[in-house]
Amino acid sequence: MEIVLASGSPRRKEILSNIGVDFSVMTSDAEEVTDEKEPDKIVMDLSRKKASFVAEKLNGDFLIIGADTVVFADGIVLGKPKDKSDAFNMLKALSGRWHQVYTGVTVISLKQNKMVTEYEKTDVRIKNLSDEMIFSYIEKGEYIDKAGSYAIQGYGSLIVDKINGDYFNVVGLPISKLYDIFLKEFNISLL
């Protein structure tokens, strides 16, 4: 059985590598569009689409992992910023407040013809940020391709005040949840 990560995210690759998982990467080009409105349903739907896109291109004994992450604040889903101005507005809106990070995870076993999708939610509080702090953070370039315009594992660690929940979920792959799915649904231990 071969494990395939349906994501080009360096963060997701690093999380899997850090626990010694032998896997390959096949980036999903699935369109990231959904009719879902609730953050948990959005990330589950998009993770399914990403994993399914890759699954359609494979044949044999493969286990495919798809994931999608969004930030949810005040009833609004914040995805990846379009540009620096969009990143500034997102970080300004998150400043001094709690928000939630949702990641949907889908695992597909081609051999078993089985798909399992779940999600994880983590509460995150951003420090009170001055405009100058936000501009300085944006100039680091870390906001690019990050839901909510920050990366908790990099310079973003300097603007995050505290979290309640799974840190790795905020990075982009709730590895403990993935471990549970592998063990419970596919009888595979990552330990």
N, C-alpha and C. Protein backbone atom coordinates (compact mmCIF):
# COMPACT_ATOMS: atom_id res chain seq x y z
N MET A 1 0.84 -1.18 0.00
CA MET A 1 0.00 0.00 0.00
C MET A 1 0.89 1.25 0.00
N GLU A 2 0.54 2.19 -0.87
CA GLU A 2 1.30 3.44 -0.96
C GLU A 2 0.41 4.59 -0.51
N ILE A 3 0.97 5.46 0.34
CA ILE A 3 0.26 6.64 0.82
C ILE A 3 0.59 7.81 -0.09
N VAL A 4 -0.45 8.53 -0.51
CA VAL A 4 -0.28 9.68 -1.40
C VAL A 4 -0.93 10.90 -0.74
N LEU A 5 -0.16 11.97 -0.61
CA LEU A 5 -0.67 13.23 -0.10
C LEU A 5 -1.13 14.06 -1.30
N ALA A 6 -2.42 14.38 -1.31
CA ALA A 6 -3.02 15.14 -2.42
C ALA A 6 -2.87 16.64 -2.15
N SER A 7 -1.64 17.07 -1.92
CA SER A 7 -1.38 18.47 -1.58
C SER A 7 0.08 18.79 -1.83
N GLY A 8 0.32 19.97 -2.36
CA GLY A 8 1.68 20.44 -2.53
C GLY A 8 2.16 21.26 -1.36
N SER A 9 1.34 21.37 -0.31
CA SER A 9 1.68 22.20 0.85
C SER A 9 2.95 21.71 1.53
N PRO A 10 3.97 22.57 1.61
CA PRO A 10 5.20 22.17 2.30
C PRO A 10 4.94 21.87 3.78
N ARG A 11 3.96 22.55 4.36
CA ARG A 11 3.64 22.33 5.78
C ARG A 11 3.05 20.95 6.01
N ARG A 12 2.14 20.54 5.15
CA ARG A 12 1.55 19.21 5.28
C ARG A 12 2.60 18.13 5.05
N LYS A 13 3.46 18.35 4.06
CA LYS A 13 4.54 17.39 3.80
C LYS A 13 5.46 17.27 5.02
N GLU A 14 5.78 18.39 5.63
CA GLU A 14 6.68 18.38 6.79
C GLU A 14 6.05 17.65 7.97
N ILE A 15 4.77 17.87 8.21
CA ILE A 15 4.09 17.20 9.33
C ILE A 15 4.14 15.69 9.15
N LEU A 16 3.82 15.20 7.96
CA LEU A 16 3.87 13.76 7.69
C LEU A 16 5.30 13.22 7.80
N SER A 17 6.24 13.96 7.26
CA SER A 17 7.64 13.53 7.30
C SER A 17 8.16 13.45 8.73
N ASN A 18 7.73 14.39 9.57
CA ASN A 18 8.21 14.44 10.96
C ASN A 18 7.83 13.21 11.77
N ILE A 19 6.79 12.49 11.34
CA ILE A 19 6.42 11.27 12.07
C ILE A 19 6.82 10.02 11.28
N GLY A 20 7.66 10.21 10.28
CA GLY A 20 8.23 9.07 9.57
C GLY A 20 7.32 8.37 8.58
N VAL A 21 6.27 9.04 8.13
CA VAL A 21 5.38 8.41 7.15
C VAL A 21 6.07 8.40 5.79
N ASP A 22 6.07 7.25 5.14
CA ASP A 22 6.59 7.11 3.79
C ASP A 22 5.44 7.41 2.83
N PHE A 23 5.57 8.49 2.07
CA PHE A 23 4.48 8.90 1.20
C PHE A 23 5.03 9.61 -0.03
N SER A 24 4.17 9.70 -1.03
CA SER A 24 4.50 10.50 -2.21
C SER A 24 3.49 11.64 -2.29
N VAL A 25 3.79 12.60 -3.13
CA VAL A 25 2.92 13.76 -3.29
C VAL A 25 2.38 13.80 -4.71
N MET A 26 1.08 14.01 -4.81
CA MET A 26 0.45 14.25 -6.10
C MET A 26 -0.51 15.41 -5.88
N THR A 27 -0.11 16.57 -6.36
CA THR A 27 -0.90 17.78 -6.12
C THR A 27 -2.25 17.68 -6.81
N SER A 28 -3.28 18.05 -6.08
CA SER A 28 -4.63 18.06 -6.62
C SER A 28 -4.89 19.39 -7.32
N ASP A 29 -5.44 19.30 -8.51
CA ASP A 29 -5.83 20.51 -9.24
C ASP A 29 -7.35 20.68 -9.21
N ALA A 30 -7.98 20.08 -8.21
CA ALA A 30 -9.43 20.20 -8.08
C ALA A 30 -9.79 21.66 -7.85
N GLU A 31 -10.87 22.09 -8.46
CA GLU A 31 -11.34 23.46 -8.28
C GLU A 31 -11.83 23.62 -6.84
N GLU A 32 -11.30 24.63 -6.15
CA GLU A 32 -11.64 24.84 -4.75
C GLU A 32 -12.90 25.70 -4.62
N VAL A 33 -14.01 25.11 -5.07
CA VAL A 33 -15.30 25.78 -5.05
C VAL A 33 -16.30 24.85 -4.39
N THR A 34 -17.14 25.41 -3.53
CA THR A 34 -18.15 24.60 -2.86
C THR A 34 -19.42 25.42 -2.65
N ASP A 35 -20.54 24.73 -2.57
CA ASP A 35 -21.81 25.38 -2.26
C ASP A 35 -22.06 25.42 -0.76
N GLU A 36 -21.21 24.75 0.00
CA GLU A 36 -21.38 24.71 1.45
C GLU A 36 -21.15 26.09 2.06
N LYS A 37 -21.80 26.36 3.18
CA LYS A 37 -21.71 27.67 3.83
C LYS A 37 -21.04 27.61 5.20
N GLU A 38 -21.18 26.49 5.90
CA GLU A 38 -20.60 26.34 7.24
C GLU A 38 -19.15 25.90 7.12
N PRO A 39 -18.26 26.44 7.97
CA PRO A 39 -16.83 26.15 7.82
C PRO A 39 -16.47 24.67 7.89
N ASP A 40 -17.11 23.92 8.78
CA ASP A 40 -16.80 22.49 8.88
C ASP A 40 -17.20 21.76 7.59
N LYS A 41 -18.33 22.12 7.03
CA LYS A 41 -18.80 21.48 5.80
C LYS A 41 -17.96 21.92 4.60
N ILE A 42 -17.51 23.18 4.59
CA ILE A 42 -16.67 23.68 3.51
C ILE A 42 -15.37 22.88 3.43
N VAL A 43 -14.67 22.76 4.57
CA VAL A 43 -13.36 22.08 4.54
C VAL A 43 -13.50 20.59 4.27
N MET A 44 -14.58 19.99 4.74
CA MET A 44 -14.78 18.56 4.45
C MET A 44 -15.06 18.36 2.96
N ASP A 45 -15.91 19.23 2.38
CA ASP A 45 -16.23 19.11 0.96
C ASP A 45 -14.98 19.32 0.10
N LEU A 46 -14.20 20.35 0.41
CA LEU A 46 -13.01 20.63 -0.39
C LEU A 46 -11.92 19.57 -0.21
N SER A 47 -11.79 19.02 1.00
CA SER A 47 -10.80 17.95 1.19
C SER A 47 -11.22 16.70 0.40
N ARG A 48 -12.53 16.43 0.34
CA ARG A 48 -13.03 15.31 -0.46
C ARG A 48 -12.72 15.53 -1.94
N LYS A 49 -12.96 16.75 -2.41
CA LYS A 49 -12.72 17.04 -3.83
C LYS A 49 -11.24 16.87 -4.16
N LYS A 50 -10.36 17.35 -3.29
CA LYS A 50 -8.92 17.23 -3.54
C LYS A 50 -8.48 15.77 -3.56
N ALA A 51 -8.91 15.01 -2.57
CA ALA A 51 -8.54 13.59 -2.51
C ALA A 51 -9.13 12.82 -3.69
N SER A 52 -10.38 13.10 -4.04
CA SER A 52 -11.04 12.41 -5.15
C SER A 52 -10.37 12.72 -6.48
N PHE A 53 -9.93 13.96 -6.66
CA PHE A 53 -9.25 14.35 -7.90
C PHE A 53 -8.02 13.47 -8.13
N VAL A 54 -7.24 13.29 -7.06
CA VAL A 54 -6.04 12.45 -7.16
C VAL A 54 -6.41 10.98 -7.29
N ALA A 55 -7.42 10.53 -6.55
CA ALA A 55 -7.85 9.13 -6.60
C ALA A 55 -8.24 8.71 -8.01
N GLU A 56 -8.85 9.62 -8.76
CA GLU A 56 -9.28 9.31 -10.13
C GLU A 56 -8.10 9.06 -11.05
N LYS A 57 -6.93 9.49 -10.68
CA LYS A 57 -5.74 9.35 -11.53
C LYS A 57 -4.90 8.12 -11.16
N LEU A 58 -5.32 7.41 -10.11
CA LEU A 58 -4.54 6.27 -9.62
C LEU A 58 -5.33 4.98 -9.73
N ASN A 59 -4.59 3.88 -9.71
CA ASN A 59 -5.22 2.57 -9.74
C ASN A 59 -4.31 1.63 -8.95
N GLY A 60 -4.88 0.89 -8.00
CA GLY A 60 -4.07 -0.04 -7.21
C GLY A 60 -4.27 0.17 -5.72
N ASP A 61 -3.26 -0.22 -4.96
CA ASP A 61 -3.34 -0.18 -3.51
C ASP A 61 -2.79 1.15 -2.98
N PHE A 62 -3.63 2.18 -3.09
CA PHE A 62 -3.24 3.52 -2.66
C PHE A 62 -4.16 4.02 -1.55
N LEU A 63 -3.57 4.78 -0.64
CA LEU A 63 -4.30 5.48 0.41
C LEU A 63 -4.02 6.96 0.18
N ILE A 64 -5.06 7.73 -0.16
CA ILE A 64 -4.89 9.13 -0.53
C ILE A 64 -5.39 10.02 0.59
N ILE A 65 -4.59 11.05 0.92
CA ILE A 65 -4.95 12.01 1.96
C ILE A 65 -5.19 13.37 1.31
N GLY A 66 -6.37 13.92 1.52
CA GLY A 66 -6.69 15.27 1.07
C GLY A 66 -7.00 16.14 2.27
N ALA A 67 -6.66 17.41 2.19
CA ALA A 67 -6.93 18.32 3.31
C ALA A 67 -7.24 19.72 2.80
N ASP A 68 -8.01 20.46 3.57
CA ASP A 68 -8.31 21.85 3.26
C ASP A 68 -8.49 22.60 4.57
N THR A 69 -7.96 23.83 4.63
CA THR A 69 -8.00 24.63 5.84
C THR A 69 -8.59 26.00 5.56
N VAL A 70 -9.47 26.46 6.46
CA VAL A 70 -9.99 27.83 6.41
C VAL A 70 -9.97 28.44 7.80
N VAL A 71 -9.99 29.75 7.82
CA VAL A 71 -10.11 30.51 9.05
C VAL A 71 -11.53 31.07 9.09
N PHE A 72 -12.15 31.02 10.26
CA PHE A 72 -13.54 31.47 10.42
C PHE A 72 -13.59 32.50 11.53
N ALA A 73 -14.04 33.71 11.17
CA ALA A 73 -14.12 34.79 12.16
C ALA A 73 -15.39 35.59 11.96
N ASP A 74 -16.14 35.74 13.04
CA ASP A 74 -17.37 36.55 13.00
C ASP A 74 -18.32 36.14 11.89
N GLY A 75 -18.46 34.83 11.69
CA GLY A 75 -19.39 34.34 10.69
C GLY A 75 -18.89 34.42 9.26
N ILE A 76 -17.62 34.77 9.08
CA ILE A 76 -17.05 34.92 7.74
C ILE A 76 -15.90 33.94 7.56
N VAL A 77 -15.88 33.25 6.43
CA VAL A 77 -14.79 32.34 6.10
C VAL A 77 -13.68 33.14 5.43
N LEU A 78 -12.48 33.03 6.00
CA LEU A 78 -11.31 33.69 5.43
C LEU A 78 -10.42 32.63 4.79
N GLY A 79 -10.28 32.72 3.51
CA GLY A 79 -9.40 31.79 2.81
C GLY A 79 -8.03 32.41 2.66
N LYS A 80 -7.40 32.17 1.51
CA LYS A 80 -6.07 32.71 1.23
C LYS A 80 -6.22 34.13 0.69
N PRO A 81 -5.36 35.05 1.10
CA PRO A 81 -5.48 36.44 0.63
C PRO A 81 -5.11 36.56 -0.84
N LYS A 82 -5.76 37.52 -1.51
CA LYS A 82 -5.49 37.76 -2.93
C LYS A 82 -4.20 38.56 -3.12
N ASP A 83 -3.94 39.46 -2.16
CA ASP A 83 -2.78 40.35 -2.27
C ASP A 83 -2.46 40.92 -0.88
N LYS A 84 -1.50 41.85 -0.83
CA LYS A 84 -1.09 42.45 0.44
C LYS A 84 -2.23 43.21 1.12
N SER A 85 -3.02 43.90 0.33
CA SER A 85 -4.14 44.67 0.88
C SER A 85 -5.17 43.74 1.53
N ASP A 86 -5.46 42.65 0.86
CA ASP A 86 -6.39 41.65 1.40
C ASP A 86 -5.83 41.04 2.69
N ALA A 87 -4.53 40.74 2.69
CA ALA A 87 -3.88 40.20 3.88
C ALA A 87 -3.96 41.20 5.03
N PHE A 88 -3.71 42.47 4.75
CA PHE A 88 -3.80 43.50 5.79
C PHE A 88 -5.19 43.52 6.40
N ASN A 89 -6.21 43.52 5.54
CA ASN A 89 -7.60 43.57 6.03
C ASN A 89 -7.94 42.37 6.89
N MET A 90 -7.48 41.18 6.49
CA MET A 90 -7.74 39.97 7.28
C MET A 90 -7.07 40.08 8.65
N LEU A 91 -5.80 40.45 8.66
CA LEU A 91 -5.07 40.52 9.93
C LEU A 91 -5.63 41.62 10.83
N LYS A 92 -6.06 42.71 10.25
CA LYS A 92 -6.69 43.80 11.01
C LYS A 92 -7.98 43.29 11.67
N ALA A 93 -8.76 42.51 10.91
CA ALA A 93 -10.02 41.96 11.43
C ALA A 93 -9.77 40.94 12.54
N LEU A 94 -8.65 40.20 12.47
CA LEU A 94 -8.34 39.18 13.47
C LEU A 94 -7.65 39.76 14.70
N SER A 95 -7.10 40.95 14.59
CA SER A 95 -6.33 41.57 15.67
C SER A 95 -7.12 41.66 16.98
N GLY A 96 -6.49 41.11 18.05
CA GLY A 96 -7.08 41.20 19.38
C GLY A 96 -8.30 40.32 19.60
N ARG A 97 -8.50 39.36 18.73
CA ARG A 97 -9.74 38.56 18.79
C ARG A 97 -9.46 37.07 18.63
N TRP A 98 -10.45 36.31 19.06
CA TRP A 98 -10.45 34.87 18.84
C TRP A 98 -11.05 34.58 17.47
N HIS A 99 -10.57 33.54 16.83
CA HIS A 99 -11.19 33.01 15.62
C HIS A 99 -10.97 31.50 15.62
N GLN A 100 -11.54 30.83 14.64
CA GLN A 100 -11.41 29.38 14.56
C GLN A 100 -10.71 28.98 13.27
N VAL A 101 -9.89 27.95 13.37
CA VAL A 101 -9.25 27.35 12.19
C VAL A 101 -9.85 25.96 12.03
N TYR A 102 -10.39 25.71 10.85
CA TYR A 102 -10.97 24.41 10.52
C TYR A 102 -10.14 23.74 9.44
N THR A 103 -9.86 22.47 9.62
CA THR A 103 -9.22 21.68 8.57
C THR A 103 -10.04 20.41 8.36
N GLY A 104 -10.41 20.19 7.10
CA GLY A 104 -11.07 18.96 6.72
C GLY A 104 -10.01 17.98 6.23
N VAL A 105 -10.19 16.72 6.59
CA VAL A 105 -9.26 15.66 6.17
C VAL A 105 -10.07 14.53 5.56
N THR A 106 -9.67 14.12 4.37
CA THR A 106 -10.30 12.98 3.70
C THR A 106 -9.24 11.93 3.42
N VAL A 107 -9.56 10.67 3.73
CA VAL A 107 -8.69 9.55 3.40
C VAL A 107 -9.49 8.61 2.50
N ILE A 108 -8.90 8.27 1.37
CA ILE A 108 -9.53 7.34 0.43
C ILE A 108 -8.64 6.13 0.26
N SER A 109 -9.22 4.94 0.42
CA SER A 109 -8.52 3.69 0.13
C SER A 109 -9.08 3.16 -1.19
N LEU A 110 -8.23 3.12 -2.21
CA LEU A 110 -8.68 2.60 -3.50
C LEU A 110 -8.95 1.11 -3.41
N LYS A 111 -8.09 0.39 -2.69
CA LYS A 111 -8.24 -1.06 -2.57
C LYS A 111 -9.57 -1.43 -1.89
N GLN A 112 -9.91 -0.69 -0.83
CA GLN A 112 -11.14 -0.98 -0.08
C GLN A 112 -12.35 -0.23 -0.64
N ASN A 113 -12.11 0.67 -1.61
CA ASN A 113 -13.18 1.50 -2.15
C ASN A 113 -13.92 2.21 -1.01
N LYS A 114 -13.14 2.87 -0.16
CA LYS A 114 -13.68 3.49 1.05
C LYS A 114 -13.15 4.92 1.18
N MET A 115 -14.05 5.83 1.59
CA MET A 115 -13.67 7.22 1.82
C MET A 115 -14.17 7.65 3.19
N VAL A 116 -13.29 8.29 3.97
CA VAL A 116 -13.64 8.81 5.29
C VAL A 116 -13.25 10.28 5.33
N THR A 117 -14.18 11.13 5.77
CA THR A 117 -13.92 12.56 5.87
C THR A 117 -14.32 13.05 7.26
N GLU A 118 -13.41 13.79 7.90
CA GLU A 118 -13.67 14.40 9.20
C GLU A 118 -13.04 15.79 9.20
N TYR A 119 -13.25 16.51 10.31
CA TYR A 119 -12.62 17.82 10.42
C TYR A 119 -12.16 18.05 11.85
N GLU A 120 -11.28 19.03 11.99
CA GLU A 120 -10.79 19.46 13.30
C GLU A 120 -10.97 20.97 13.38
N LYS A 121 -11.24 21.47 14.61
CA LYS A 121 -11.40 22.90 14.84
C LYS A 121 -10.50 23.32 15.99
N THR A 122 -9.78 24.43 15.81
CA THR A 122 -8.91 24.99 16.84
C THR A 122 -9.23 26.47 17.00
N ASP A 123 -9.34 26.93 18.25
CA ASP A 123 -9.55 28.34 18.53
C ASP A 123 -8.19 29.03 18.65
N VAL A 124 -8.07 30.18 18.00
CA VAL A 124 -6.81 30.93 17.99
C VAL A 124 -7.10 32.39 18.34
N ARG A 125 -6.26 32.95 19.19
CA ARG A 125 -6.38 34.38 19.52
C ARG A 125 -5.14 35.10 19.01
N ILE A 126 -5.37 36.14 18.21
CA ILE A 126 -4.28 36.98 17.71
C ILE A 126 -4.10 38.15 18.68
N LYS A 127 -2.85 38.54 18.90
CA LYS A 127 -2.56 39.69 19.76
C LYS A 127 -3.18 40.96 19.17
N ASN A 128 -3.27 42.01 19.98
CA ASN A 128 -3.65 43.32 19.46
C ASN A 128 -2.50 43.81 18.59
N LEU A 129 -2.78 44.02 17.31
CA LEU A 129 -1.74 44.38 16.36
C LEU A 129 -1.90 45.82 15.89
N SER A 130 -0.81 46.57 15.94
CA SER A 130 -0.83 47.91 15.35
C SER A 130 -0.71 47.75 13.84
N ASP A 131 -1.07 48.80 13.11
CA ASP A 131 -0.92 48.76 11.65
C ASP A 131 0.54 48.49 11.28
N GLU A 132 1.45 49.10 12.04
CA GLU A 132 2.88 48.92 11.78
C GLU A 132 3.29 47.45 11.92
N MET A 133 2.78 46.77 12.96
CA MET A 133 3.08 45.35 13.14
C MET A 133 2.53 44.53 11.97
N ILE A 134 1.33 44.84 11.54
CA ILE A 134 0.72 44.11 10.42
C ILE A 134 1.55 44.31 9.16
N PHE A 135 1.92 45.57 8.86
CA PHE A 135 2.74 45.84 7.67
C PHE A 135 4.07 45.10 7.75
N SER A 136 4.70 45.09 8.92
CA SER A 136 5.98 44.40 9.10
C SER A 136 5.81 42.91 8.84
N TYR A 137 4.73 42.34 9.37
CA TYR A 137 4.48 40.91 9.15
C TYR A 137 4.26 40.62 7.67
N ILE A 138 3.45 41.43 7.02
CA ILE A 138 3.15 41.22 5.60
C ILE A 138 4.42 41.30 4.76
N GLU A 139 5.33 42.19 5.11
CA GLU A 139 6.58 42.34 4.36
C GLU A 139 7.46 41.08 4.43
N LYS A 140 7.23 40.23 5.42
CA LYS A 140 7.97 38.97 5.51
C LYS A 140 7.54 38.00 4.40
N GLY A 141 6.36 38.25 3.80
CA GLY A 141 5.87 37.41 2.70
C GLY A 141 5.19 36.13 3.14
N GLU A 142 5.10 35.93 4.43
CA GLU A 142 4.57 34.67 4.96
C GLU A 142 3.06 34.51 4.74
N TYR A 143 2.36 35.61 4.52
CA TYR A 143 0.91 35.58 4.35
C TYR A 143 0.48 34.87 3.07
N ILE A 144 1.38 34.80 2.10
CA ILE A 144 1.04 34.26 0.78
C ILE A 144 0.63 32.79 0.91
N ASP A 145 -0.52 32.47 0.32
CA ASP A 145 -1.04 31.10 0.27
C ASP A 145 -1.40 30.54 1.65
N LYS A 146 -1.74 31.43 2.60
CA LYS A 146 -2.11 31.00 3.95
C LYS A 146 -3.53 31.46 4.28
N ALA A 147 -4.38 30.53 4.67
CA ALA A 147 -5.73 30.88 5.12
C ALA A 147 -5.62 31.84 6.29
N GLY A 148 -6.34 32.95 6.23
CA GLY A 148 -6.31 33.94 7.30
C GLY A 148 -5.09 34.84 7.26
N SER A 149 -4.19 34.64 6.31
CA SER A 149 -3.01 35.48 6.08
C SER A 149 -1.90 35.35 7.10
N TYR A 150 -1.86 34.25 7.85
CA TYR A 150 -0.75 34.06 8.78
C TYR A 150 -0.35 32.59 8.86
N ALA A 151 0.88 32.37 9.30
CA ALA A 151 1.40 31.01 9.48
C ALA A 151 1.89 30.88 10.92
N ILE A 152 1.20 30.10 11.71
CA ILE A 152 1.53 29.97 13.14
C ILE A 152 2.92 29.39 13.36
N GLN A 153 3.44 28.62 12.41
CA GLN A 153 4.72 27.96 12.59
C GLN A 153 5.91 28.86 12.23
N GLY A 154 5.65 30.05 11.70
CA GLY A 154 6.74 30.95 11.31
C GLY A 154 6.68 32.25 12.11
N TYR A 155 6.85 33.35 11.39
CA TYR A 155 6.76 34.66 12.04
C TYR A 155 5.39 34.86 12.69
N GLY A 156 4.38 34.16 12.18
CA GLY A 156 3.04 34.25 12.75
C GLY A 156 2.99 33.85 14.21
N SER A 157 3.97 33.06 14.64
CA SER A 157 4.02 32.68 16.06
C SER A 157 4.22 33.90 16.95
N LEU A 158 4.73 34.99 16.38
CA LEU A 158 4.95 36.21 17.14
C LEU A 158 3.68 37.03 17.31
N ILE A 159 2.67 36.77 16.48
CA ILE A 159 1.42 37.53 16.58
C ILE A 159 0.27 36.72 17.18
N VAL A 160 0.48 35.41 17.35
CA VAL A 160 -0.55 34.57 17.98
C VAL A 160 -0.38 34.65 19.49
N ASP A 161 -1.45 34.99 20.17
CA ASP A 161 -1.43 35.12 21.63
C ASP A 161 -1.59 33.76 22.30
N LYS A 162 -2.59 32.99 21.86
CA LYS A 162 -2.81 31.65 22.43
C LYS A 162 -3.72 30.83 21.53
N ILE A 163 -3.70 29.52 21.77
CA ILE A 163 -4.60 28.63 21.03
C ILE A 163 -5.24 27.64 22.00
N ASN A 164 -6.43 27.20 21.65
CA ASN A 164 -7.11 26.11 22.34
C ASN A 164 -7.41 25.05 21.31
N GLY A 165 -6.70 23.93 21.40
CA GLY A 165 -6.93 22.85 20.45
C GLY A 165 -5.63 22.38 19.82
N ASP A 166 -5.75 21.77 18.66
CA ASP A 166 -4.66 21.12 17.96
C ASP A 166 -3.81 22.13 17.19
N TYR A 167 -2.56 22.31 17.61
CA TYR A 167 -1.62 23.21 16.94
C TYR A 167 -1.44 22.81 15.48
N PHE A 168 -1.27 21.51 15.21
CA PHE A 168 -1.02 21.05 13.85
C PHE A 168 -2.20 21.32 12.92
N ASN A 169 -3.39 21.41 13.49
CA ASN A 169 -4.57 21.79 12.71
C ASN A 169 -4.39 23.20 12.15
N VAL A 170 -3.83 24.09 12.96
CA VAL A 170 -3.61 25.47 12.53
C VAL A 170 -2.53 25.52 11.44
N VAL A 171 -1.57 24.64 11.53
CA VAL A 171 -0.51 24.56 10.51
C VAL A 171 -1.11 24.03 9.20
N GLY A 172 -2.11 23.15 9.28
CA GLY A 172 -2.77 22.69 8.06
C GLY A 172 -3.04 21.20 7.96
N LEU A 173 -2.62 20.42 8.96
CA LEU A 173 -2.91 18.98 8.93
C LEU A 173 -3.02 18.46 10.37
N PRO A 174 -4.24 18.22 10.84
CA PRO A 174 -4.41 17.71 12.21
C PRO A 174 -3.96 16.25 12.29
N ILE A 175 -2.69 16.07 12.58
CA ILE A 175 -2.07 14.75 12.49
C ILE A 175 -2.65 13.76 13.48
N SER A 176 -3.06 14.22 14.65
CA SER A 176 -3.68 13.32 15.62
C SER A 176 -5.02 12.79 15.10
N LYS A 177 -5.80 13.66 14.47
CA LYS A 177 -7.07 13.25 13.85
C LYS A 177 -6.79 12.26 12.71
N LEU A 178 -5.76 12.54 11.91
CA LEU A 178 -5.41 11.65 10.81
C LEU A 178 -4.99 10.27 11.35
N TYR A 179 -4.22 10.26 12.43
CA TYR A 179 -3.82 9.01 13.07
C TYR A 179 -5.06 8.20 13.46
N ASP A 180 -6.04 8.88 14.10
CA ASP A 180 -7.27 8.21 14.52
C ASP A 180 -8.03 7.62 13.34
N ILE A 181 -8.10 8.36 12.23
CA ILE A 181 -8.80 7.88 11.03
C ILE A 181 -8.09 6.64 10.49
N PHE A 182 -6.77 6.71 10.36
CA PHE A 182 -6.00 5.56 9.86
C PHE A 182 -6.24 4.32 10.72
N LEU A 183 -6.18 4.50 12.03
CA LEU A 183 -6.31 3.36 12.95
C LEU A 183 -7.73 2.81 12.98
N LYS A 184 -8.70 3.69 13.19
CA LYS A 184 -10.09 3.27 13.37
C LYS A 184 -10.72 2.78 12.06
N GLU A 185 -10.48 3.50 10.99
CA GLU A 185 -11.17 3.19 9.74
C GLU A 185 -10.42 2.26 8.79
N PHE A 186 -9.07 2.23 8.89
CA PHE A 186 -8.29 1.45 7.94
C PHE A 186 -7.34 0.46 8.63
N ASN A 187 -7.39 0.40 9.94
CA ASN A 187 -6.57 -0.52 10.73
C ASN A 187 -5.07 -0.36 10.44
N ILE A 188 -4.64 0.89 10.32
CA ILE A 188 -3.24 1.22 10.05
C ILE A 188 -2.75 2.11 11.17
N SER A 189 -1.67 1.71 11.82
CA SER A 189 -1.09 2.53 12.88
C SER A 189 0.09 3.32 12.33
N LEU A 190 0.12 4.59 12.63
CA LEU A 190 1.24 5.43 12.22
C LEU A 190 2.35 5.46 13.27
N LEU A 191 2.13 4.75 14.39
CA LEU A 191 3.16 4.67 15.43
C LEU A 191 4.11 3.52 15.16
